Amino acid sequence: MTRHFEREMERIKKKVLTLSAMVEDSVYLAVKAIETRDSVLGERVREMDHEIDDMEVEVEEECLKILALHQPVAIDLRFIVAVLKLNNDLERIGDLAVNIARRAKILATAQAPTDLLDFSGMAEKVKSMLRNCLQALVNLDGDLARQVCAADDEVDAMNRVMYEKIHQSIRANPEQSALYLQLFSVSRNLERIADHATNIAEDVLYMIQGEIVRHGKGMMV
């Protein structure tokens, strides 16, 4: 392995960590915008998305350059392949954070039903998953990655509970159905962020084990 190749690999790692931090901040701010009905904060999330998109392109270009110039093998190849995949997941999480932030603007100008605005439990679980999958990436921690995968079922259950609550509320207050659907959109986007965090955790396991673990395969290794 040449010194030049090592430097390029380190540069990719730094860019991925930068992108990860940007995405984590975006999700945090989006959830805070919903909790406080802060449309200004929601707009900040939309601005951050452009920065996330630019960084995602930079990471992909760096990976493709290494593949073309150095033709890495074994764990180095697995690392590049995994980064290309999780890079897309991070960009999608940024998009989902924007989707959540847009609801903050709607809720800020409407008489939204306050009894269903408590997404704190679900949001904390999702943010924990995102934080842990990124920590697993940094430390190549297989145990932590598996914890993230297991937590996805909990978020799915929370999303189902929220759906039932909103469905019942729409039946009781049909005149507010549009606002209730906005609230469910927040829940659904949080659930999708959890899915992408799980994808990243699975990619980390691929890096460590050299084995594809989607659909439950290899999870007990």
C-alpha atoms as a PDB file:
ATOM      1  CA  MET A   1       0.000   0.000   0.000  1.00  0.00           C
ATOM      2  CA  THR A   2       1.538   3.317  -1.086  1.00  0.00           C
ATOM      3  CA  ARG A   3       1.651   6.431   1.054  1.00  0.00           C
ATOM      4  CA  HIS A   4      -0.417   8.206  -1.607  1.00  0.00           C
ATOM      5  CA  PHE A   5      -3.137   5.556  -1.386  1.00  0.00           C
ATOM      6  CA  GLU A   6      -3.161   5.779   2.420  1.00  0.00           C
ATOM      7  CA  ARG A   7      -3.594   9.555   2.263  1.00  0.00           C
ATOM      8  CA  GLU A   8      -6.493   9.258  -0.154  1.00  0.00           C
ATOM      9  CA  MET A   9      -8.200   6.675   2.056  1.00  0.00           C
ATOM     10  CA  GLU A  10      -7.792   8.948   5.074  1.00  0.00           C
ATOM     11  CA  ARG A  11      -9.260  11.832   3.107  1.00  0.00           C
ATOM     12  CA  ILE A  12     -12.358   9.766   2.312  1.00  0.00           C
ATOM     13  CA  LYS A  13     -12.749   8.807   5.974  1.00  0.00           C
ATOM     14  CA  LYS A  14     -12.580  12.456   7.021  1.00  0.00           C
ATOM     15  CA  LYS A  15     -15.140  13.481   4.391  1.00  0.00           C
ATOM     16  CA  VAL A  16     -17.529  10.716   5.460  1.00  0.00           C
ATOM     17  CA  LEU A  17     -17.230  11.795   9.087  1.00  0.00           C
ATOM     18  CA  THR A  18     -17.894  15.404   8.096  1.00  0.00           C
ATOM     19  CA  LEU A  19     -20.944  14.364   6.098  1.00  0.00           C
ATOM     20  CA  SER A  20     -22.149  12.204   8.994  1.00  0.00           C
ATOM     21  CA  ALA A  21     -21.913  15.122  11.416  1.00  0.00           C
ATOM     22  CA  MET A  22     -23.802  17.399   9.017  1.00  0.00           C
ATOM     23  CA  VAL A  23     -26.599  14.856   8.617  1.00  0.00           C
ATOM     24  CA  GLU A  24     -26.875  14.261  12.363  1.00  0.00           C
ATOM     25  CA  ASP A  25     -27.163  18.029  12.944  1.00  0.00           C
ATOM     26  CA  SER A  26     -29.820  18.266  10.234  1.00  0.00           C
ATOM     27  CA  VAL A  27     -31.994  15.596  11.862  1.00  0.00           C
ATOM     28  CA  TYR A  28     -31.572  17.183  15.290  1.00  0.00           C
ATOM     29  CA  LEU A  29     -32.621  20.614  14.008  1.00  0.00           C
ATOM     30  CA  ALA A  30     -35.560  19.201  12.039  1.00  0.00           C
ATOM     31  CA  VAL A  31     -36.964  17.477  15.111  1.00  0.00           C
ATOM     32  CA  LYS A  32     -36.402  20.591  17.205  1.00  0.00           C
ATOM     33  CA  ALA A  33     -38.223  22.679  14.583  1.00  0.00           C
ATOM     34  CA  ILE A  34     -41.251  20.378  14.902  1.00  0.00           C
ATOM     35  CA  GLU A  35     -41.184  20.379  18.693  1.00  0.00           C
ATOM     36  CA  THR A  36     -40.997  24.186  18.843  1.00  0.00           C
ATOM     37  CA  ARG A  37     -42.985  24.898  15.646  1.00  0.00           C
ATOM     38  CA  ASP A  38     -40.050  27.020  14.513  1.00  0.00           C
ATOM     39  CA  SER A  39     -40.295  27.717  10.777  1.00  0.00           C
ATOM     40  CA  VAL A  40     -36.997  29.645  10.791  1.00  0.00           C
ATOM     41  CA  LEU A  41     -35.199  26.598  12.156  1.00  0.00           C
ATOM     42  CA  GLY A  42     -36.943  24.515   9.517  1.00  0.00           C
ATOM     43  CA  GLU A  43     -35.584  26.793   6.814  1.00  0.00           C
ATOM     44  CA  ARG A  44     -32.077  26.327   8.201  1.00  0.00           C
ATOM     45  CA  VAL A  45     -32.461  22.573   7.672  1.00  0.00           C
ATOM     46  CA  ARG A  46     -33.345  23.188   4.028  1.00  0.00           C
ATOM     47  CA  GLU A  47     -30.232  25.328   3.601  1.00  0.00           C
ATOM     48  CA  MET A  48     -28.062  22.637   5.172  1.00  0.00           C
ATOM     49  CA  ASP A  49     -29.393  20.109   2.669  1.00  0.00           C
ATOM     50  CA  HIS A  50     -27.516  21.846  -0.151  1.00  0.00           C
ATOM     51  CA  GLU A  51     -24.272  21.463   1.798  1.00  0.00           C
ATOM     52  CA  ILE A  52     -25.055  17.795   2.422  1.00  0.00           C
ATOM     53  CA  ASP A  53     -25.724  17.219  -1.287  1.00  0.00           C
ATOM     54  CA  ASP A  54     -22.405  18.832  -2.235  1.00  0.00           C
ATOM     55  CA  MET A  55     -20.477  16.737   0.273  1.00  0.00           C
ATOM     56  CA  GLU A  56     -22.206  13.538  -0.888  1.00  0.00           C
ATOM     57  CA  VAL A  57     -21.002  14.206  -4.443  1.00  0.00           C
ATOM     58  CA  GLU A  58     -17.459  14.866  -3.204  1.00  0.00           C
ATOM     59  CA  VAL A  59     -17.356  11.561  -1.311  1.00  0.00           C
ATOM     60  CA  GLU A  60     -18.622   9.623  -4.323  1.00  0.00           C
ATOM     61  CA  GLU A  61     -16.059  11.235  -6.617  1.00  0.00           C
ATOM     62  CA  GLU A  62     -13.235  10.402  -4.205  1.00  0.00           C
ATOM     63  CA  CYS A  63     -14.345   6.766  -4.015  1.00  0.00           C
ATOM     64  CA  LEU A  64     -14.603   6.400  -7.779  1.00  0.00           C
ATOM     65  CA  LYS A  65     -11.168   7.937  -8.209  1.00  0.00           C
ATOM     66  CA  ILE A  66      -9.606   5.423  -5.828  1.00  0.00           C
ATOM     67  CA  LEU A  67     -11.342   2.526  -7.582  1.00  0.00           C
ATOM     68  CA  ALA A  68     -10.046   3.703 -10.949  1.00  0.00           C
ATOM     69  CA  LEU A  69      -6.478   4.555  -9.928  1.00  0.00           C
ATOM     70  CA  HIS A  70      -5.617   2.017  -7.238  1.00  0.00           C
ATOM     71  CA  GLN A  71      -7.947  -0.960  -7.773  1.00  0.00           C
ATOM     72  CA  PRO A  72      -8.091  -1.795  -4.043  1.00  0.00           C
ATOM     73  CA  VAL A  73      -8.701  -5.352  -2.836  1.00  0.00           C
ATOM     74  CA  ALA A  74      -9.910  -7.178   0.286  1.00  0.00           C
ATOM     75  CA  ILE A  75     -10.880  -4.916   3.202  1.00  0.00           C
ATOM     76  CA  ASP A  76      -9.928  -1.726   1.341  1.00  0.00           C
ATOM     77  CA  LEU A  77     -12.293  -2.639  -1.486  1.00  0.00           C
ATOM     78  CA  ARG A  78     -15.045  -3.497   0.997  1.00  0.00           C
ATOM     79  CA  PHE A  79     -14.528  -0.132   2.659  1.00  0.00           C
ATOM     80  CA  ILE A  80     -14.920   1.789  -0.601  1.00  0.00           C
ATOM     81  CA  VAL A  81     -18.001  -0.219  -1.613  1.00  0.00           C
ATOM     82  CA  ALA A  82     -19.570   0.304   1.814  1.00  0.00           C
ATOM     83  CA  VAL A  83     -18.836   4.045   1.747  1.00  0.00           C
ATOM     84  CA  LEU A  84     -20.479   4.378  -1.674  1.00  0.00           C
ATOM     85  CA  LYS A  85     -23.610   2.727  -0.284  1.00  0.00           C
ATOM     86  CA  LEU A  86     -23.819   4.511   3.063  1.00  0.00           C
ATOM     87  CA  ASN A  87     -22.987   7.806   1.361  1.00  0.00           C
ATOM     88  CA  ASN A  88     -26.297   7.549  -0.455  1.00  0.00           C
ATOM     89  CA  ASP A  89     -28.098   6.658   2.789  1.00  0.00           C
ATOM     90  CA  LEU A  90     -26.675   9.736   4.500  1.00  0.00           C
ATOM     91  CA  GLU A  91     -27.853  11.956   1.653  1.00  0.00           C
ATOM     92  CA  ARG A  92     -31.337  10.427   1.838  1.00  0.00           C
ATOM     93  CA  ILE A  93     -31.463  11.034   5.604  1.00  0.00           C
ATOM     94  CA  GLY A  94     -30.725  14.687   4.858  1.00  0.00           C
ATOM     95  CA  ASP A  95     -33.676  14.754   2.448  1.00  0.00           C
ATOM     96  CA  LEU A  96     -35.952  13.196   5.058  1.00  0.00           C
ATOM     97  CA  ALA A  97     -34.863  15.791   7.606  1.00  0.00           C
ATOM     98  CA  VAL A  98     -35.969  18.445   5.106  1.00  0.00           C
ATOM     99  CA  ASN A  99     -39.333  16.707   4.771  1.00  0.00           C
ATOM    100  CA  ILE A 100     -39.764  16.894   8.540  1.00  0.00           C
ATOM    101  CA  ALA A 101     -38.653  20.538   8.653  1.00  0.00           C
ATOM    102  CA  ARG A 102     -41.247  21.516   6.036  1.00  0.00           C
ATOM    103  CA  ARG A 103     -43.980  20.312   8.383  1.00  0.00           C
ATOM    104  CA  ALA A 104     -42.688  22.734  11.020  1.00  0.00           C
ATOM    105  CA  LYS A 105     -43.619  25.662   8.767  1.00  0.00           C
ATOM    106  CA  ILE A 106     -47.135  24.291   8.270  1.00  0.00           C
ATOM    107  CA  LEU A 107     -47.635  23.604  11.969  1.00  0.00           C
ATOM    108  CA  ALA A 108     -46.249  27.026  12.915  1.00  0.00           C
ATOM    109  CA  THR A 109     -49.068  28.782  11.074  1.00  0.00           C
ATOM    110  CA  ALA A 110     -51.932  26.444  11.995  1.00  0.00           C
ATOM    111  CA  GLN A 111     -53.969  25.578  15.039  1.00  0.00           C
ATOM    112  CA  ALA A 112     -52.379  22.149  15.208  1.00  0.00           C
ATOM    113  CA  PRO A 113     -53.680  19.563  17.686  1.00  0.00           C
ATOM    114  CA  THR A 114     -51.128  19.759  20.476  1.00  0.00           C
ATOM    115  CA  ASP A 115     -51.975  16.370  21.975  1.00  0.00           C
ATOM    116  CA  LEU A 116     -50.227  14.564  19.112  1.00  0.00           C
ATOM    117  CA  LEU A 117     -47.149  16.734  18.762  1.00  0.00           C
ATOM    118  CA  ASP A 118     -45.072  14.670  21.177  1.00  0.00           C
ATOM    119  CA  PHE A 119     -42.619  12.819  18.958  1.00  0.00           C
ATOM    120  CA  SER A 120     -39.904  12.994  21.589  1.00  0.00           C
ATOM    121  CA  GLY A 121     -39.695   9.249  22.319  1.00  0.00           C
ATOM    122  CA  MET A 122     -39.583   8.240  18.682  1.00  0.00           C
ATOM    123  CA  ALA A 123     -37.229  11.080  17.765  1.00  0.00           C
ATOM    124  CA  GLU A 124     -34.803  10.191  20.557  1.00  0.00           C
ATOM    125  CA  LYS A 125     -34.751   6.544  19.471  1.00  0.00           C
ATOM    126  CA  VAL A 126     -34.098   7.525  15.843  1.00  0.00           C
ATOM    127  CA  LYS A 127     -31.377  10.019  16.782  1.00  0.00           C
ATOM    128  CA  SER A 128     -29.771   7.353  18.978  1.00  0.00           C
ATOM    129  CA  MET A 129     -29.802   4.901  16.071  1.00  0.00           C
ATOM    130  CA  LEU A 130     -28.220   7.468  13.779  1.00  0.00           C
ATOM    131  CA  ARG A 131     -25.595   8.402  16.356  1.00  0.00           C
ATOM    132  CA  ASN A 132     -24.757   4.753  17.046  1.00  0.00           C
ATOM    133  CA  CYS A 133     -24.525   3.692  13.418  1.00  0.00           C
ATOM    134  CA  LEU A 134     -22.090   6.544  12.777  1.00  0.00           C
ATOM    135  CA  GLN A 135     -20.119   5.627  15.898  1.00  0.00           C
ATOM    136  CA  ALA A 136     -20.043   2.019  14.688  1.00  0.00           C
ATOM    137  CA  LEU A 137     -18.676   3.294  11.394  1.00  0.00           C
ATOM    138  CA  VAL A 138     -15.929   5.323  13.054  1.00  0.00           C
ATOM    139  CA  ASN A 139     -14.823   2.491  15.355  1.00  0.00           C
ATOM    140  CA  LEU A 140     -15.785  -0.454  13.113  1.00  0.00           C
ATOM    141  CA  ASP A 141     -17.862  -1.694  16.051  1.00  0.00           C
ATOM    142  CA  GLY A 142     -19.886  -4.730  14.983  1.00  0.00           C
ATOM    143  CA  ASP A 143     -21.743  -5.069  18.285  1.00  0.00           C
ATOM    144  CA  LEU A 144     -22.960  -1.481  18.123  1.00  0.00           C
ATOM    145  CA  ALA A 145     -23.998  -1.923  14.493  1.00  0.00           C
ATOM    146  CA  ARG A 146     -26.094  -4.947  15.456  1.00  0.00           C
ATOM    147  CA  GLN A 147     -27.759  -2.926  18.233  1.00  0.00           C
ATOM    148  CA  VAL A 148     -28.818  -0.372  15.614  1.00  0.00           C
ATOM    149  CA  CYS A 149     -30.350  -3.091  13.451  1.00  0.00           C
ATOM    150  CA  ALA A 150     -32.276  -4.471  16.434  1.00  0.00           C
ATOM    151  CA  ALA A 151     -33.595  -1.007  17.382  1.00  0.00           C
ATOM    152  CA  ASP A 152     -35.306  -0.617  13.994  1.00  0.00           C
ATOM    153  CA  ASP A 153     -38.149  -2.892  15.142  1.00  0.00           C
ATOM    154  CA  GLU A 154     -38.833  -0.547  18.075  1.00  0.00           C
ATOM    155  CA  VAL A 155     -39.158   2.452  15.771  1.00  0.00           C
ATOM    156  CA  ASP A 156     -41.468   0.487  13.463  1.00  0.00           C
ATOM    157  CA  ALA A 157     -43.682  -0.267  16.469  1.00  0.00           C
ATOM    158  CA  MET A 158     -43.717   3.413  17.506  1.00  0.00           C
ATOM    159  CA  ASN A 159     -44.730   4.398  13.984  1.00  0.00           C
ATOM    160  CA  ARG A 160     -47.641   1.928  14.075  1.00  0.00           C
ATOM    161  CA  VAL A 161     -48.810   3.351  17.406  1.00  0.00           C
ATOM    162  CA  MET A 162     -48.666   6.878  16.003  1.00  0.00           C
ATOM    163  CA  TYR A 163     -50.666   5.761  12.956  1.00  0.00           C
ATOM    164  CA  GLU A 164     -53.383   4.309  15.171  1.00  0.00           C
ATOM    165  CA  LYS A 165     -53.563   7.447  17.324  1.00  0.00           C
ATOM    166  CA  ILE A 166     -53.823   9.699  14.286  1.00  0.00           C
ATOM    167  CA  HIS A 167     -56.392   7.439  12.629  1.00  0.00           C
ATOM    168  CA  GLN A 168     -58.576   7.598  15.738  1.00  0.00           C
ATOM    169  CA  SER A 169     -58.167  11.373  15.983  1.00  0.00           C
ATOM    170  CA  ILE A 170     -59.158  11.902  12.352  1.00  0.00           C
ATOM    171  CA  ARG A 171     -62.339   9.917  12.946  1.00  0.00           C
ATOM    172  CA  ALA A 172     -63.094  12.024  16.032  1.00  0.00           C
ATOM    173  CA  ASN A 173     -62.106  15.372  14.442  1.00  0.00           C
ATOM    174  CA  PRO A 174     -62.417  15.071  10.639  1.00  0.00           C
ATOM    175  CA  GLU A 175     -62.176  18.851  10.212  1.00  0.00           C
ATOM    176  CA  GLN A 176     -58.530  18.623  11.308  1.00  0.00           C
ATOM    177  CA  SER A 177     -57.630  15.652   9.130  1.00  0.00           C
ATOM    178  CA  ALA A 178     -55.161  17.634   6.990  1.00  0.00           C
ATOM    179  CA  LEU A 179     -53.124  18.618  10.044  1.00  0.00           C
ATOM    180  CA  TYR A 180     -53.225  15.117  11.471  1.00  0.00           C
ATOM    181  CA  LEU A 181     -51.837  13.812   8.181  1.00  0.00           C
ATOM    182  CA  GLN A 182     -48.969  16.294   8.459  1.00  0.00           C
ATOM    183  CA  LEU A 183     -48.218  14.849  11.876  1.00  0.00           C
ATOM    184  CA  PHE A 184     -48.240  11.327  10.511  1.00  0.00           C
ATOM    185  CA  SER A 185     -45.824  12.436   7.803  1.00  0.00           C
ATOM    186  CA  VAL A 186     -43.377  13.428  10.550  1.00  0.00           C
ATOM    187  CA  SER A 187     -43.695   9.975  12.101  1.00  0.00           C
ATOM    188  CA  ARG A 188     -43.280   8.257   8.748  1.00  0.00           C
ATOM    189  CA  ASN A 189     -40.153  10.247   7.908  1.00  0.00           C
ATOM    190  CA  LEU A 190     -38.618   9.423  11.279  1.00  0.00           C
ATOM    191  CA  GLU A 191     -39.312   5.748  10.611  1.00  0.00           C
ATOM    192  CA  ARG A 192     -37.599   6.011   7.221  1.00  0.00           C
ATOM    193  CA  ILE A 193     -34.551   7.678   8.809  1.00  0.00           C
ATOM    194  CA  ALA A 194     -34.351   4.659  11.115  1.00  0.00           C
ATOM    195  CA  ASP A 195     -34.412   2.412   8.029  1.00  0.00           C
ATOM    196  CA  HIS A 196     -31.464   4.270   6.520  1.00  0.00           C
ATOM    197  CA  ALA A 197     -29.564   4.144   9.821  1.00  0.00           C
ATOM    198  CA  THR A 198     -30.102   0.383   9.748  1.00  0.00           C
ATOM    199  CA  ASN A 199     -28.756   0.261   6.189  1.00  0.00           C
ATOM    200  CA  ILE A 200     -25.609   2.061   7.345  1.00  0.00           C
ATOM    201  CA  ALA A 201     -25.206  -0.360  10.258  1.00  0.00           C
ATOM    202  CA  GLU A 202     -25.501  -3.275   7.826  1.00  0.00           C
ATOM    203  CA  ASP A 203     -22.841  -1.685   5.618  1.00  0.00           C
ATOM    204  CA  VAL A 204     -20.556  -1.396   8.644  1.00  0.00           C
ATOM    205  CA  LEU A 205     -21.066  -5.110   9.313  1.00  0.00           C
ATOM    206  CA  TYR A 206     -20.203  -5.784   5.670  1.00  0.00           C
ATOM    207  CA  MET A 207     -16.964  -3.840   6.115  1.00  0.00           C
ATOM    208  CA  ILE A 208     -16.054  -5.816   9.212  1.00  0.00           C
ATOM    209  CA  GLN A 209     -17.218  -9.290   8.221  1.00  0.00           C
ATOM    210  CA  GLY A 210     -16.994  -9.205   4.440  1.00  0.00           C
ATOM    211  CA  GLU A 211     -20.500 -10.662   4.366  1.00  0.00           C
ATOM    212  CA  ILE A 212     -23.796  -9.125   3.283  1.00  0.00           C
ATOM    213  CA  VAL A 213     -26.135  -9.045   6.283  1.00  0.00           C
ATOM    214  CA  ARG A 214     -29.325  -7.581   4.811  1.00  0.00           C
ATOM    215  CA  HIS A 215     -32.658  -9.325   5.475  1.00  0.00           C
ATOM    216  CA  GLY A 216     -31.314 -10.789   8.722  1.00  0.00           C
ATOM    217  CA  LYS A 217     -28.442 -12.692   7.111  1.00  0.00           C
ATOM    218  CA  GLY A 218     -25.275 -12.832   9.198  1.00  0.00           C
ATOM    219  CA  MET A 219     -26.729 -10.844  12.073  1.00  0.00           C
ATOM    220  CA  MET A 220     -25.606 -13.394  14.664  1.00  0.00           C
ATOM    221  CA  VAL A 221     -22.008 -13.496  13.478  1.00  0.00           C
END
